[in-house]
Amino acid sequence: MTEYHRIDVTVDAVIFRKLKDITQVLLIQRKHEPFAGCWAIPGGFVDEGEDLEAAAIRELEEETGLVVDSLEQLHTFGRPDRDPRKRIVSVVHWKLLNDPNVEVHAADDASNLSWFSIDDLPELAFDHAEVMAMAVKKLKL
């Protein structure tokens, strides 16, 4: 019998909005290690028996208070060193909000949150700069 290595699965939600001619993305400031205090895309671990999109919607609401009815899957990121804790594969989802005036608030694993222009992003945790580059490219298609 072959021994398999455990791989955990997370989900992330890249949320865009447009204010006049500026496109912004919602980022959280991480409350816990790894990367405590760093900016990141909202997301977290998938629960046992949970659908991937449902997990992304749940994590988004838990960390930002933002409730959405659906998200579109963007890409799966699985580079072995993308998370310093262990091998983690992340399924990233995205959405462009129709209402740019939604209310959000930091909660759960987020100590803070903010909207950032996609042209002026802070340094991001994990491989989230790579994730953002792909999401921005998809948005502009």
N, C-alpha and C. Protein backbone atom coordinates (compact mmCIF):
# COMPACT_ATOMS: atom_id res chain seq x y z
N MET A 1 0.84 -1.19 0.00
CA MET A 1 0.00 0.00 0.00
C MET A 1 0.88 1.25 0.00
N THR A 2 0.52 2.22 -0.77
CA THR A 2 1.26 3.47 -0.87
C THR A 2 0.82 4.43 0.23
N GLU A 3 1.81 5.11 0.84
CA GLU A 3 1.48 6.11 1.84
C GLU A 3 1.30 7.46 1.14
N TYR A 4 0.20 8.14 1.43
CA TYR A 4 -0.08 9.43 0.81
C TYR A 4 0.18 10.55 1.81
N HIS A 5 0.65 11.66 1.30
CA HIS A 5 0.85 12.84 2.13
C HIS A 5 -0.45 13.62 2.20
N ARG A 6 -0.72 14.15 3.38
CA ARG A 6 -1.94 14.92 3.57
C ARG A 6 -1.78 16.31 2.94
N ILE A 7 -2.77 16.68 2.17
CA ILE A 7 -2.82 18.02 1.58
C ILE A 7 -4.13 18.66 2.01
N ASP A 8 -4.04 19.84 2.61
CA ASP A 8 -5.24 20.55 3.00
C ASP A 8 -5.70 21.47 1.87
N VAL A 9 -6.98 21.81 1.91
CA VAL A 9 -7.58 22.67 0.88
C VAL A 9 -8.14 23.93 1.52
N THR A 10 -7.80 25.06 0.92
CA THR A 10 -8.37 26.33 1.34
C THR A 10 -9.09 26.96 0.15
N VAL A 11 -9.84 27.99 0.43
CA VAL A 11 -10.50 28.79 -0.60
C VAL A 11 -10.20 30.26 -0.33
N ASP A 12 -10.12 31.05 -1.38
CA ASP A 12 -9.92 32.48 -1.27
C ASP A 12 -10.95 33.17 -2.16
N ALA A 13 -11.32 34.40 -1.79
CA ALA A 13 -12.33 35.14 -2.54
C ALA A 13 -11.79 36.53 -2.90
N VAL A 14 -11.50 36.72 -4.17
CA VAL A 14 -11.04 38.02 -4.68
C VAL A 14 -12.29 38.81 -5.06
N ILE A 15 -12.52 39.90 -4.32
CA ILE A 15 -13.73 40.71 -4.53
C ILE A 15 -13.33 42.08 -5.05
N PHE A 16 -13.82 42.39 -6.24
CA PHE A 16 -13.56 43.68 -6.88
C PHE A 16 -14.79 44.58 -6.80
N ARG A 17 -14.54 45.88 -6.83
CA ARG A 17 -15.60 46.86 -7.03
C ARG A 17 -15.01 47.99 -7.85
N LYS A 18 -15.92 48.72 -8.54
CA LYS A 18 -15.49 49.88 -9.32
C LYS A 18 -16.11 51.13 -8.71
N LEU A 19 -15.26 52.11 -8.43
CA LEU A 19 -15.70 53.42 -7.96
C LEU A 19 -15.24 54.42 -9.00
N LYS A 20 -16.20 54.96 -9.74
CA LYS A 20 -15.90 55.84 -10.86
C LYS A 20 -14.98 55.09 -11.82
N ASP A 21 -13.75 55.54 -11.99
CA ASP A 21 -12.85 54.87 -12.93
C ASP A 21 -11.74 54.09 -12.22
N ILE A 22 -11.92 53.84 -10.92
CA ILE A 22 -10.92 53.10 -10.14
C ILE A 22 -11.47 51.72 -9.78
N THR A 23 -10.70 50.69 -10.07
CA THR A 23 -11.07 49.33 -9.68
C THR A 23 -10.34 49.00 -8.39
N GLN A 24 -11.09 48.53 -7.41
CA GLN A 24 -10.52 48.20 -6.10
C GLN A 24 -10.76 46.74 -5.77
N VAL A 25 -9.92 46.23 -4.85
CA VAL A 25 -10.06 44.86 -4.37
C VAL A 25 -10.11 44.91 -2.83
N LEU A 26 -10.90 44.03 -2.26
CA LEU A 26 -11.06 43.95 -0.81
C LEU A 26 -10.00 43.03 -0.23
N LEU A 27 -9.20 43.56 0.69
CA LEU A 27 -8.17 42.78 1.36
C LEU A 27 -8.35 42.83 2.87
N ILE A 28 -7.92 41.76 3.53
CA ILE A 28 -7.95 41.73 4.99
C ILE A 28 -6.53 41.82 5.51
N GLN A 29 -6.40 42.30 6.74
CA GLN A 29 -5.12 42.24 7.43
C GLN A 29 -5.19 41.05 8.37
N ARG A 30 -4.24 40.13 8.23
CA ARG A 30 -4.28 38.87 8.97
C ARG A 30 -4.05 39.10 10.47
N LYS A 31 -4.88 38.43 11.27
CA LYS A 31 -4.78 38.53 12.73
C LYS A 31 -3.76 37.54 13.28
N HIS A 32 -3.57 36.41 12.60
CA HIS A 32 -2.74 35.33 13.12
C HIS A 32 -1.61 34.97 12.16
N GLU A 33 -0.61 34.29 12.72
CA GLU A 33 0.47 33.73 11.90
C GLU A 33 -0.08 32.59 11.07
N PRO A 34 0.50 32.27 9.95
CA PRO A 34 1.64 32.99 9.39
C PRO A 34 1.20 34.32 8.78
N PHE A 35 2.13 35.22 8.67
CA PHE A 35 1.91 36.53 8.06
C PHE A 35 0.97 37.43 8.87
N ALA A 36 1.00 37.32 10.20
CA ALA A 36 0.18 38.20 11.04
C ALA A 36 0.52 39.65 10.71
N GLY A 37 -0.52 40.48 10.56
CA GLY A 37 -0.35 41.89 10.23
C GLY A 37 -0.22 42.19 8.75
N CYS A 38 -0.04 41.16 7.93
CA CYS A 38 0.09 41.35 6.49
C CYS A 38 -1.28 41.37 5.81
N TRP A 39 -1.33 41.99 4.66
CA TRP A 39 -2.56 42.03 3.88
C TRP A 39 -2.69 40.76 3.06
N ALA A 40 -3.93 40.30 2.91
CA ALA A 40 -4.19 39.05 2.19
C ALA A 40 -5.59 39.08 1.61
N ILE A 41 -5.83 38.15 0.71
CA ILE A 41 -7.16 37.93 0.15
C ILE A 41 -7.97 37.17 1.20
N PRO A 42 -9.24 37.52 1.43
CA PRO A 42 -10.04 36.77 2.40
C PRO A 42 -10.15 35.30 2.02
N GLY A 43 -10.08 34.44 3.01
CA GLY A 43 -10.21 33.02 2.73
C GLY A 43 -9.87 32.17 3.93
N GLY A 44 -9.94 30.86 3.74
CA GLY A 44 -9.63 29.96 4.83
C GLY A 44 -9.85 28.51 4.44
N PHE A 45 -9.81 27.65 5.43
CA PHE A 45 -9.89 26.22 5.21
C PHE A 45 -11.32 25.76 4.90
N VAL A 46 -11.39 24.76 4.05
CA VAL A 46 -12.67 24.14 3.68
C VAL A 46 -13.04 23.15 4.79
N ASP A 47 -14.27 23.21 5.25
CA ASP A 47 -14.75 22.29 6.28
C ASP A 47 -15.06 20.92 5.68
N GLU A 48 -15.02 19.91 6.51
CA GLU A 48 -15.33 18.54 6.09
C GLU A 48 -16.72 18.51 5.44
N GLY A 49 -16.83 17.95 4.24
CA GLY A 49 -18.10 17.82 3.55
C GLY A 49 -18.63 19.10 2.93
N GLU A 50 -17.84 20.17 2.92
CA GLU A 50 -18.30 21.47 2.42
C GLU A 50 -17.94 21.65 0.95
N ASP A 51 -18.88 22.18 0.18
CA ASP A 51 -18.66 22.54 -1.22
C ASP A 51 -17.65 23.69 -1.29
N LEU A 52 -16.82 23.71 -2.32
CA LEU A 52 -15.78 24.74 -2.43
C LEU A 52 -16.35 26.15 -2.53
N GLU A 53 -17.33 26.36 -3.39
CA GLU A 53 -17.91 27.70 -3.52
C GLU A 53 -18.59 28.11 -2.22
N ALA A 54 -19.28 27.18 -1.58
CA ALA A 54 -19.94 27.48 -0.30
C ALA A 54 -18.90 27.86 0.76
N ALA A 55 -17.77 27.19 0.75
CA ALA A 55 -16.69 27.51 1.70
C ALA A 55 -16.15 28.92 1.45
N ALA A 56 -15.96 29.28 0.18
CA ALA A 56 -15.47 30.62 -0.15
C ALA A 56 -16.47 31.69 0.27
N ILE A 57 -17.74 31.44 0.04
CA ILE A 57 -18.80 32.38 0.45
C ILE A 57 -18.82 32.52 1.97
N ARG A 58 -18.70 31.39 2.68
CA ARG A 58 -18.70 31.40 4.15
C ARG A 58 -17.50 32.16 4.69
N GLU A 59 -16.31 31.86 4.18
CA GLU A 59 -15.10 32.54 4.66
C GLU A 59 -15.16 34.04 4.40
N LEU A 60 -15.66 34.42 3.23
CA LEU A 60 -15.80 35.84 2.90
C LEU A 60 -16.70 36.53 3.92
N GLU A 61 -17.84 35.92 4.22
CA GLU A 61 -18.76 36.52 5.19
C GLU A 61 -18.15 36.56 6.59
N GLU A 62 -17.49 35.47 7.00
CA GLU A 62 -16.90 35.43 8.35
C GLU A 62 -15.84 36.49 8.55
N GLU A 63 -15.02 36.75 7.53
CA GLU A 63 -13.91 37.68 7.69
C GLU A 63 -14.24 39.12 7.35
N THR A 64 -15.28 39.34 6.52
CA THR A 64 -15.56 40.70 6.05
C THR A 64 -17.00 41.16 6.28
N GLY A 65 -17.88 40.25 6.63
CA GLY A 65 -19.29 40.59 6.76
C GLY A 65 -20.01 40.70 5.43
N LEU A 66 -19.31 40.51 4.34
CA LEU A 66 -19.89 40.63 3.01
C LEU A 66 -20.62 39.34 2.64
N VAL A 67 -21.89 39.47 2.28
CA VAL A 67 -22.70 38.32 1.89
C VAL A 67 -22.91 38.37 0.39
N VAL A 68 -22.51 37.31 -0.30
CA VAL A 68 -22.73 37.19 -1.74
C VAL A 68 -23.47 35.89 -2.01
N ASP A 69 -24.21 35.86 -3.11
CA ASP A 69 -24.97 34.65 -3.43
C ASP A 69 -24.17 33.66 -4.26
N SER A 70 -23.13 34.15 -4.94
CA SER A 70 -22.32 33.25 -5.76
C SER A 70 -20.96 33.86 -6.02
N LEU A 71 -20.02 32.99 -6.38
CA LEU A 71 -18.68 33.38 -6.79
C LEU A 71 -18.30 32.53 -7.99
N GLU A 72 -17.40 33.04 -8.80
CA GLU A 72 -16.91 32.27 -9.94
C GLU A 72 -15.51 31.75 -9.61
N GLN A 73 -15.27 30.48 -9.94
CA GLN A 73 -13.96 29.90 -9.69
C GLN A 73 -12.95 30.50 -10.67
N LEU A 74 -11.82 30.94 -10.14
CA LEU A 74 -10.77 31.56 -10.94
C LEU A 74 -9.68 30.55 -11.33
N HIS A 75 -9.09 29.93 -10.32
CA HIS A 75 -7.94 29.06 -10.57
C HIS A 75 -7.60 28.31 -9.29
N THR A 76 -6.88 27.22 -9.43
CA THR A 76 -6.39 26.47 -8.28
C THR A 76 -4.88 26.68 -8.18
N PHE A 77 -4.43 27.09 -7.00
CA PHE A 77 -3.02 27.35 -6.75
C PHE A 77 -2.48 26.26 -5.83
N GLY A 78 -1.39 25.61 -6.24
CA GLY A 78 -0.92 24.48 -5.47
C GLY A 78 0.59 24.33 -5.39
N ARG A 79 1.33 25.41 -5.60
CA ARG A 79 2.78 25.31 -5.49
C ARG A 79 3.12 24.77 -4.09
N PRO A 80 4.00 23.79 -3.97
CA PRO A 80 4.26 23.15 -2.68
C PRO A 80 4.69 24.09 -1.55
N ASP A 81 5.35 25.20 -1.88
CA ASP A 81 5.84 26.10 -0.83
C ASP A 81 4.97 27.35 -0.66
N ARG A 82 3.75 27.32 -1.13
CA ARG A 82 2.91 28.52 -1.10
C ARG A 82 2.47 28.91 0.31
N ASP A 83 2.50 27.97 1.24
CA ASP A 83 2.11 28.22 2.63
C ASP A 83 3.18 27.62 3.53
N PRO A 84 3.74 28.41 4.47
CA PRO A 84 4.83 27.89 5.31
C PRO A 84 4.39 26.83 6.33
N ARG A 85 3.09 26.68 6.57
CA ARG A 85 2.62 25.72 7.57
C ARG A 85 2.70 24.29 7.09
N LYS A 86 2.27 24.06 5.86
CA LYS A 86 2.24 22.71 5.30
C LYS A 86 1.78 22.80 3.86
N ARG A 87 1.62 21.67 3.22
CA ARG A 87 1.17 21.65 1.82
C ARG A 87 -0.32 21.99 1.78
N ILE A 88 -0.64 23.11 1.15
CA ILE A 88 -2.02 23.58 1.05
C ILE A 88 -2.32 23.98 -0.39
N VAL A 89 -3.41 23.48 -0.90
CA VAL A 89 -3.91 23.85 -2.22
C VAL A 89 -5.06 24.81 -2.01
N SER A 90 -5.06 25.92 -2.74
CA SER A 90 -6.14 26.89 -2.60
C SER A 90 -6.92 27.03 -3.91
N VAL A 91 -8.23 26.95 -3.79
CA VAL A 91 -9.12 27.16 -4.92
C VAL A 91 -9.65 28.59 -4.78
N VAL A 92 -9.25 29.43 -5.73
CA VAL A 92 -9.56 30.86 -5.64
C VAL A 92 -10.81 31.16 -6.46
N HIS A 93 -11.69 31.94 -5.87
CA HIS A 93 -12.92 32.41 -6.51
C HIS A 93 -12.86 33.92 -6.63
N TRP A 94 -13.73 34.48 -7.47
CA TRP A 94 -13.72 35.93 -7.63
C TRP A 94 -15.12 36.44 -7.98
N LYS A 95 -15.28 37.76 -7.82
CA LYS A 95 -16.55 38.41 -8.16
C LYS A 95 -16.31 39.91 -8.31
N LEU A 96 -17.00 40.52 -9.26
CA LEU A 96 -17.07 41.97 -9.39
C LEU A 96 -18.43 42.37 -8.85
N LEU A 97 -18.44 43.17 -7.78
CA LEU A 97 -19.69 43.56 -7.15
C LEU A 97 -20.46 44.55 -8.02
N ASN A 98 -21.77 44.38 -8.05
CA ASN A 98 -22.64 45.33 -8.76
C ASN A 98 -22.83 46.60 -7.95
N ASP A 99 -22.87 46.47 -6.63
CA ASP A 99 -23.08 47.61 -5.73
C ASP A 99 -21.75 47.95 -5.05
N PRO A 100 -21.11 49.04 -5.44
CA PRO A 100 -19.81 49.38 -4.85
C PRO A 100 -19.91 49.91 -3.41
N ASN A 101 -21.11 50.16 -2.92
CA ASN A 101 -21.29 50.75 -1.60
C ASN A 101 -21.65 49.75 -0.52
N VAL A 102 -21.28 48.49 -0.69
CA VAL A 102 -21.58 47.48 0.31
C VAL A 102 -20.82 47.77 1.60
N GLU A 103 -21.42 47.37 2.71
CA GLU A 103 -20.77 47.55 4.01
C GLU A 103 -19.96 46.32 4.35
N VAL A 104 -18.75 46.54 4.83
CA VAL A 104 -17.88 45.45 5.24
C VAL A 104 -17.26 45.80 6.59
N HIS A 105 -16.85 44.77 7.32
CA HIS A 105 -16.18 44.98 8.60
C HIS A 105 -15.27 43.78 8.89
N ALA A 106 -14.15 44.05 9.51
CA ALA A 106 -13.20 42.98 9.84
C ALA A 106 -13.74 42.14 10.98
N ALA A 107 -13.63 40.82 10.83
CA ALA A 107 -14.07 39.89 11.87
C ALA A 107 -13.29 38.59 11.74
N ASP A 108 -13.50 37.68 12.67
CA ASP A 108 -12.90 36.35 12.66
C ASP A 108 -11.38 36.46 12.60
N ASP A 109 -10.74 35.98 11.52
CA ASP A 109 -9.28 35.97 11.39
C ASP A 109 -8.72 37.28 10.86
N ALA A 110 -9.57 38.27 10.61
CA ALA A 110 -9.14 39.55 10.06
C ALA A 110 -9.11 40.60 11.17
N SER A 111 -7.95 41.25 11.34
CA SER A 111 -7.87 42.33 12.33
C SER A 111 -8.28 43.66 11.73
N ASN A 112 -8.26 43.75 10.41
CA ASN A 112 -8.61 44.98 9.71
C ASN A 112 -8.93 44.60 8.27
N LEU A 113 -9.57 45.50 7.55
CA LEU A 113 -9.77 45.30 6.12
C LEU A 113 -9.84 46.64 5.44
N SER A 114 -9.62 46.62 4.13
CA SER A 114 -9.66 47.86 3.37
C SER A 114 -9.81 47.53 1.89
N TRP A 115 -10.32 48.52 1.15
CA TRP A 115 -10.37 48.44 -0.31
C TRP A 115 -9.10 49.09 -0.84
N PHE A 116 -8.40 48.42 -1.75
CA PHE A 116 -7.18 48.93 -2.36
C PHE A 116 -7.36 49.02 -3.87
N SER A 117 -6.81 50.08 -4.45
CA SER A 117 -6.78 50.17 -5.91
C SER A 117 -5.93 49.01 -6.44
N ILE A 118 -6.38 48.39 -7.53
CA ILE A 118 -5.60 47.29 -8.10
C ILE A 118 -4.28 47.79 -8.67
N ASP A 119 -4.14 49.11 -8.82
CA ASP A 119 -2.90 49.70 -9.32
C ASP A 119 -1.95 50.11 -8.20
N ASP A 120 -2.36 49.91 -6.94
CA ASP A 120 -1.53 50.32 -5.80
C ASP A 120 -1.77 49.36 -4.63
N LEU A 121 -1.36 48.12 -4.82
CA LEU A 121 -1.57 47.10 -3.80
C LEU A 121 -0.43 47.07 -2.79
N PRO A 122 -0.73 46.74 -1.53
CA PRO A 122 0.34 46.56 -0.56
C PRO A 122 1.05 45.23 -0.80
N GLU A 123 2.12 44.98 -0.08
CA GLU A 123 2.75 43.67 -0.13
C GLU A 123 1.76 42.66 0.42
N LEU A 124 1.62 41.52 -0.25
CA LEU A 124 0.61 40.53 0.10
C LEU A 124 1.22 39.25 0.67
N ALA A 125 0.49 38.60 1.57
CA ALA A 125 0.91 37.35 2.19
C ALA A 125 0.85 36.20 1.19
N PHE A 126 1.49 35.09 1.58
CA PHE A 126 1.47 33.85 0.80
C PHE A 126 1.87 34.13 -0.66
N ASP A 127 1.13 33.53 -1.59
CA ASP A 127 1.35 33.77 -3.02
C ASP A 127 0.27 34.69 -3.59
N HIS A 128 -0.29 35.54 -2.73
CA HIS A 128 -1.45 36.33 -3.13
C HIS A 128 -1.13 37.39 -4.18
N ALA A 129 0.13 37.78 -4.34
CA ALA A 129 0.48 38.70 -5.44
C ALA A 129 0.26 37.98 -6.77
N GLU A 130 0.63 36.72 -6.85
CA GLU A 130 0.41 35.90 -8.05
C GLU A 130 -1.09 35.71 -8.30
N VAL A 131 -1.83 35.46 -7.22
CA VAL A 131 -3.27 35.29 -7.32
C VAL A 131 -3.91 36.57 -7.85
N MET A 132 -3.51 37.71 -7.29
CA MET A 132 -4.08 38.99 -7.72
C MET A 132 -3.76 39.28 -9.18
N ALA A 133 -2.56 38.97 -9.61
CA ALA A 133 -2.19 39.21 -11.01
C ALA A 133 -3.11 38.44 -11.94
N MET A 134 -3.40 37.20 -11.59
CA MET A 134 -4.29 36.39 -12.43
C MET A 134 -5.72 36.92 -12.37
N ALA A 135 -6.18 37.32 -11.19
CA ALA A 135 -7.55 37.83 -11.03
C ALA A 135 -7.73 39.14 -11.80
N VAL A 136 -6.75 40.02 -11.74
CA VAL A 136 -6.83 41.30 -12.45
C VAL A 136 -6.85 41.04 -13.96
N LYS A 137 -6.04 40.11 -14.42
CA LYS A 137 -6.03 39.76 -15.84
C LYS A 137 -7.39 39.24 -16.26
N LYS A 138 -8.01 38.40 -15.46
CA LYS A 138 -9.34 37.84 -15.75
C LYS A 138 -10.38 38.97 -15.78
N LEU A 139 -10.28 39.89 -14.83
CA LEU A 139 -11.23 41.00 -14.76
C LEU A 139 -11.17 41.87 -16.01
N LYS A 140 -9.99 42.05 -16.55
CA LYS A 140 -9.81 42.94 -17.70
C LYS A 140 -10.17 42.29 -19.03
N LEU A 141 -10.42 40.97 -19.04
CA LEU A 141 -10.79 40.29 -20.29
C LEU A 141 -12.15 40.71 -20.78
